[in-house]
N, C-alpha and C. Protein backbone atom coordinates (compact mmCIF):
# COMPACT_ATOMS: atom_id res chain seq x y z
N THR A 1 6.31 48.09 -28.37
CA THR A 1 5.37 47.02 -28.14
C THR A 1 5.60 46.44 -26.75
N THR A 2 4.56 45.92 -26.21
CA THR A 2 4.62 45.30 -24.89
C THR A 2 4.53 43.79 -25.05
N SER A 3 5.46 43.11 -24.42
CA SER A 3 5.43 41.64 -24.48
C SER A 3 5.27 41.08 -23.08
N PHE A 4 4.68 39.91 -23.02
CA PHE A 4 4.42 39.24 -21.75
C PHE A 4 5.15 37.90 -21.77
N VAL A 5 6.09 37.72 -20.87
CA VAL A 5 6.89 36.51 -20.82
C VAL A 5 6.65 35.84 -19.46
N TYR A 6 6.45 34.52 -19.49
CA TYR A 6 6.28 33.78 -18.25
C TYR A 6 6.95 32.42 -18.41
N PRO A 7 7.45 31.85 -17.31
CA PRO A 7 8.08 30.53 -17.41
C PRO A 7 7.04 29.44 -17.67
N ARG A 8 7.43 28.49 -18.47
CA ARG A 8 6.55 27.36 -18.77
C ARG A 8 7.06 26.18 -17.96
N ARG A 9 6.26 25.73 -17.04
CA ARG A 9 6.67 24.64 -16.16
C ARG A 9 6.22 23.31 -16.74
N GLU A 10 7.14 22.39 -16.82
CA GLU A 10 6.84 21.06 -17.31
C GLU A 10 7.34 20.04 -16.30
N PRO A 11 6.61 18.93 -16.12
CA PRO A 11 7.07 17.89 -15.18
C PRO A 11 8.38 17.27 -15.63
N LEU A 12 9.18 16.87 -14.65
CA LEU A 12 10.44 16.21 -14.97
C LEU A 12 10.26 14.75 -15.31
N GLY A 13 9.22 14.14 -14.82
CA GLY A 13 8.99 12.71 -15.04
C GLY A 13 8.90 12.00 -13.71
N VAL A 14 9.87 11.17 -13.43
CA VAL A 14 9.90 10.41 -12.17
C VAL A 14 10.92 11.06 -11.24
N VAL A 15 10.50 11.31 -10.01
CA VAL A 15 11.35 11.94 -9.01
C VAL A 15 11.55 10.94 -7.87
N ALA A 16 12.77 10.84 -7.37
CA ALA A 16 13.06 9.91 -6.26
C ALA A 16 13.32 10.69 -4.99
N GLY A 17 12.95 10.09 -3.85
CA GLY A 17 13.19 10.69 -2.55
C GLY A 17 13.57 9.62 -1.55
N ILE A 18 14.45 9.98 -0.63
CA ILE A 18 14.89 9.04 0.41
C ILE A 18 14.57 9.66 1.77
N GLY A 19 13.88 8.91 2.61
CA GLY A 19 13.46 9.41 3.91
C GLY A 19 14.39 8.99 5.02
N ALA A 20 14.27 9.66 6.14
CA ALA A 20 15.07 9.36 7.33
C ALA A 20 14.15 8.87 8.43
N TRP A 21 14.72 8.37 9.51
CA TRP A 21 13.93 7.80 10.59
C TRP A 21 13.33 8.90 11.49
N ASN A 22 13.97 10.05 11.56
CA ASN A 22 13.42 11.13 12.38
C ASN A 22 12.54 12.02 11.51
N TYR A 23 11.41 12.41 12.01
CA TYR A 23 10.42 13.20 11.26
C TYR A 23 9.99 12.50 9.97
N PRO A 24 9.51 11.29 10.01
CA PRO A 24 9.25 10.56 8.76
C PRO A 24 8.15 11.17 7.90
N ILE A 25 7.08 11.66 8.51
CA ILE A 25 5.99 12.22 7.70
C ILE A 25 6.38 13.58 7.17
N GLN A 26 7.03 14.37 7.98
CA GLN A 26 7.43 15.72 7.57
C GLN A 26 8.42 15.65 6.40
N ILE A 27 9.38 14.77 6.47
CA ILE A 27 10.36 14.66 5.39
C ILE A 27 9.71 14.11 4.13
N ALA A 28 8.81 13.15 4.27
CA ALA A 28 8.11 12.61 3.10
C ALA A 28 7.26 13.69 2.44
N LEU A 29 6.59 14.51 3.22
CA LEU A 29 5.76 15.59 2.66
C LEU A 29 6.62 16.66 2.00
N TRP A 30 7.74 17.01 2.59
CA TRP A 30 8.63 18.01 1.98
C TRP A 30 9.06 17.58 0.59
N LYS A 31 9.26 16.27 0.41
CA LYS A 31 9.74 15.80 -0.87
C LYS A 31 8.62 15.49 -1.85
N SER A 32 7.53 14.91 -1.35
CA SER A 32 6.49 14.43 -2.27
C SER A 32 5.49 15.51 -2.69
N ALA A 33 5.12 16.40 -1.81
CA ALA A 33 4.10 17.39 -2.14
C ALA A 33 4.48 18.28 -3.33
N PRO A 34 5.67 18.88 -3.36
CA PRO A 34 6.02 19.69 -4.52
C PRO A 34 6.17 18.87 -5.80
N ALA A 35 6.68 17.65 -5.67
CA ALA A 35 6.86 16.81 -6.85
C ALA A 35 5.51 16.43 -7.46
N LEU A 36 4.55 16.04 -6.62
CA LEU A 36 3.25 15.66 -7.12
C LEU A 36 2.45 16.86 -7.60
N ALA A 37 2.63 18.01 -6.97
CA ALA A 37 1.94 19.22 -7.42
C ALA A 37 2.43 19.68 -8.78
N ALA A 38 3.69 19.39 -9.10
CA ALA A 38 4.25 19.76 -10.40
C ALA A 38 3.90 18.75 -11.48
N GLY A 39 3.26 17.64 -11.11
CA GLY A 39 2.85 16.65 -12.10
C GLY A 39 3.81 15.50 -12.29
N ASN A 40 4.76 15.36 -11.39
CA ASN A 40 5.74 14.28 -11.48
C ASN A 40 5.24 13.02 -10.77
N ALA A 41 5.78 11.90 -11.18
CA ALA A 41 5.58 10.65 -10.44
C ALA A 41 6.64 10.62 -9.36
N MET A 42 6.34 9.95 -8.25
CA MET A 42 7.25 9.96 -7.11
C MET A 42 7.55 8.55 -6.65
N ILE A 43 8.84 8.25 -6.48
CA ILE A 43 9.28 7.02 -5.84
C ILE A 43 9.94 7.44 -4.55
N PHE A 44 9.47 6.90 -3.43
CA PHE A 44 9.99 7.30 -2.13
C PHE A 44 10.44 6.07 -1.38
N LYS A 45 11.69 6.09 -0.91
CA LYS A 45 12.22 4.99 -0.11
C LYS A 45 12.29 5.45 1.35
N PRO A 46 11.39 4.91 2.17
CA PRO A 46 11.41 5.32 3.59
C PRO A 46 12.49 4.57 4.37
N SER A 47 12.71 5.02 5.56
CA SER A 47 13.60 4.31 6.48
C SER A 47 12.97 2.97 6.85
N GLU A 48 13.80 1.98 7.11
CA GLU A 48 13.29 0.66 7.50
C GLU A 48 12.54 0.74 8.81
N VAL A 49 12.88 1.68 9.65
CA VAL A 49 12.26 1.82 10.97
C VAL A 49 10.85 2.41 10.87
N THR A 50 10.60 3.24 9.88
CA THR A 50 9.32 3.98 9.81
C THR A 50 8.56 3.73 8.52
N SER A 51 8.58 2.53 8.02
CA SER A 51 7.94 2.26 6.74
C SER A 51 6.41 2.34 6.82
N LEU A 52 5.82 2.06 7.96
CA LEU A 52 4.36 2.12 8.08
C LEU A 52 3.81 3.54 7.98
N THR A 53 4.58 4.51 8.42
CA THR A 53 4.11 5.88 8.28
C THR A 53 4.03 6.31 6.81
N THR A 54 4.94 5.82 6.01
CA THR A 54 4.90 6.13 4.58
C THR A 54 3.71 5.44 3.91
N LEU A 55 3.38 4.25 4.35
CA LEU A 55 2.19 3.59 3.80
C LEU A 55 0.91 4.38 4.15
N LYS A 56 0.83 4.90 5.36
CA LYS A 56 -0.32 5.71 5.74
C LYS A 56 -0.38 6.99 4.90
N LEU A 57 0.76 7.58 4.62
CA LEU A 57 0.79 8.78 3.79
C LEU A 57 0.34 8.45 2.36
N ALA A 58 0.72 7.30 1.85
CA ALA A 58 0.27 6.88 0.51
C ALA A 58 -1.24 6.67 0.50
N GLU A 59 -1.81 6.17 1.58
CA GLU A 59 -3.27 6.03 1.68
C GLU A 59 -3.95 7.39 1.66
N ILE A 60 -3.34 8.37 2.28
CA ILE A 60 -3.93 9.72 2.29
C ILE A 60 -3.89 10.30 0.88
N TYR A 61 -2.81 10.09 0.16
CA TYR A 61 -2.68 10.64 -1.20
C TYR A 61 -3.66 10.00 -2.17
N THR A 62 -3.96 8.72 -1.96
CA THR A 62 -4.84 8.04 -2.94
C THR A 62 -6.22 8.03 -2.45
């Protein structure tokens, strides 16, 4: 007999990410895009220096 097996992907729930001051949008996208694509909720803490870039990214997502 032939069987077909594939992984079943399920969201983890809430995922956390911490950003740095250098490359703020790139680091935020590296962390948030895969998490949101998998169906997870995302909490992201940006650097104090670059918090406005994360707000702009949140506007793009919504």
